[in-house]
Amino acid sequence: MADAMYAPVVTRFLSYDVQLDEVSSAYCRTIMALPEMQEWIEAARQEPNEIDELDVEF
């Protein structure tokens, strides 16, 4: 899944609503449709909103 290494860039384009040409938009749709990408998104949704270890004062 070599193309998925660009998944963070694709998600930023989508998150920031970057206007892309049709070829780039098609690439983003392809990456987002990959089963591995869908698994990654679902795993992220399952993560807690807060992590106790990050709330500890140093």
C-alpha atoms as a PDB file:
ATOM      1  CA  MET A   1       0.000   0.000   0.000  1.00  0.00           C
ATOM      2  CA  ALA A   2       2.649   2.497  -1.066  1.00  0.00           C
ATOM      3  CA  ASP A   3       0.145   5.243  -1.953  1.00  0.00           C
ATOM      4  CA  ALA A   4      -1.265   5.321   1.574  1.00  0.00           C
ATOM      5  CA  MET A   5       1.949   6.860   2.886  1.00  0.00           C
ATOM      6  CA  TYR A   6       0.460  10.131   1.633  1.00  0.00           C
ATOM      7  CA  ALA A   7      -2.704   9.668   3.658  1.00  0.00           C
ATOM      8  CA  PRO A   8      -1.843  12.487   6.117  1.00  0.00           C
ATOM      9  CA  VAL A   9      -1.532  14.929   3.228  1.00  0.00           C
ATOM     10  CA  VAL A  10      -4.841  13.758   1.773  1.00  0.00           C
ATOM     11  CA  THR A  11      -6.597  14.168   5.112  1.00  0.00           C
ATOM     12  CA  ARG A  12      -5.174  17.689   5.486  1.00  0.00           C
ATOM     13  CA  PHE A  13      -6.407  18.639   2.035  1.00  0.00           C
ATOM     14  CA  LEU A  14      -9.865  17.415   3.018  1.00  0.00           C
ATOM     15  CA  SER A  15      -9.807  18.895   6.531  1.00  0.00           C
ATOM     16  CA  TYR A  16      -8.752  22.323   5.297  1.00  0.00           C
ATOM     17  CA  ASP A  17     -11.102  22.142   2.308  1.00  0.00           C
ATOM     18  CA  VAL A  18      -8.273  22.782  -0.154  1.00  0.00           C
ATOM     19  CA  GLN A  19      -9.583  23.278  -3.676  1.00  0.00           C
ATOM     20  CA  LEU A  20      -7.958  20.629  -5.870  1.00  0.00           C
ATOM     21  CA  ASP A  21      -8.018  19.887  -9.569  1.00  0.00           C
ATOM     22  CA  GLU A  22      -9.935  16.823 -10.737  1.00  0.00           C
ATOM     23  CA  VAL A  23      -6.881  14.558 -10.896  1.00  0.00           C
ATOM     24  CA  SER A  24      -5.863  15.435  -7.330  1.00  0.00           C
ATOM     25  CA  SER A  25      -9.452  15.089  -6.117  1.00  0.00           C
ATOM     26  CA  ALA A  26      -9.684  11.650  -7.698  1.00  0.00           C
ATOM     27  CA  TYR A  27      -6.425  10.660  -5.996  1.00  0.00           C
ATOM     28  CA  CYS A  28      -7.811  11.797  -2.635  1.00  0.00           C
ATOM     29  CA  ARG A  29     -11.018   9.837  -3.166  1.00  0.00           C
ATOM     30  CA  THR A  30      -8.986   6.748  -4.088  1.00  0.00           C
ATOM     31  CA  ILE A  31      -6.818   7.008  -0.970  1.00  0.00           C
ATOM     32  CA  MET A  32      -9.820   7.622   1.287  1.00  0.00           C
ATOM     33  CA  ALA A  33     -11.613   4.591  -0.164  1.00  0.00           C
ATOM     34  CA  LEU A  34      -8.777   2.165   0.583  1.00  0.00           C
ATOM     35  CA  PRO A  35      -9.814  -0.474   3.137  1.00  0.00           C
ATOM     36  CA  GLU A  36      -6.705   0.257   5.192  1.00  0.00           C
ATOM     37  CA  MET A  37      -7.581   3.933   5.260  1.00  0.00           C
ATOM     38  CA  GLN A  38     -11.100   3.155   6.399  1.00  0.00           C
ATOM     39  CA  GLU A  39      -9.666   0.951   9.174  1.00  0.00           C
ATOM     40  CA  TRP A  40      -7.314   3.762  10.231  1.00  0.00           C
ATOM     41  CA  ILE A  41     -10.184   6.258  10.367  1.00  0.00           C
ATOM     42  CA  GLU A  42     -12.355   3.893  12.378  1.00  0.00           C
ATOM     43  CA  ALA A  43      -9.506   3.181  14.808  1.00  0.00           C
ATOM     44  CA  ALA A  44      -9.037   6.928  15.286  1.00  0.00           C
ATOM     45  CA  ARG A  45     -12.744   7.332  16.039  1.00  0.00           C
ATOM     46  CA  GLN A  46     -12.436   4.679  18.750  1.00  0.00           C
ATOM     47  CA  GLU A  47      -9.642   6.539  20.546  1.00  0.00           C
ATOM     48  CA  PRO A  48     -10.602   8.445  23.684  1.00  0.00           C
ATOM     49  CA  ASN A  49     -10.921  12.203  23.387  1.00  0.00           C
ATOM     50  CA  GLU A  50      -8.704  12.654  26.420  1.00  0.00           C
ATOM     51  CA  ILE A  51      -5.626  10.727  27.455  1.00  0.00           C
ATOM     52  CA  ASP A  52      -4.932  10.750  31.193  1.00  0.00           C
ATOM     53  CA  GLU A  53      -1.163  10.588  30.738  1.00  0.00           C
ATOM     54  CA  LEU A  54      -1.276  13.892  28.849  1.00  0.00           C
ATOM     55  CA  ASP A  55      -3.141  15.622  31.671  1.00  0.00           C
ATOM     56  CA  VAL A  56      -0.400  14.984  34.262  1.00  0.00           C
ATOM     57  CA  GLU A  57       1.515  18.080  35.274  1.00  0.00           C
ATOM     58  CA  PHE A  58       5.278  17.890  34.992  1.00  0.00           C
END
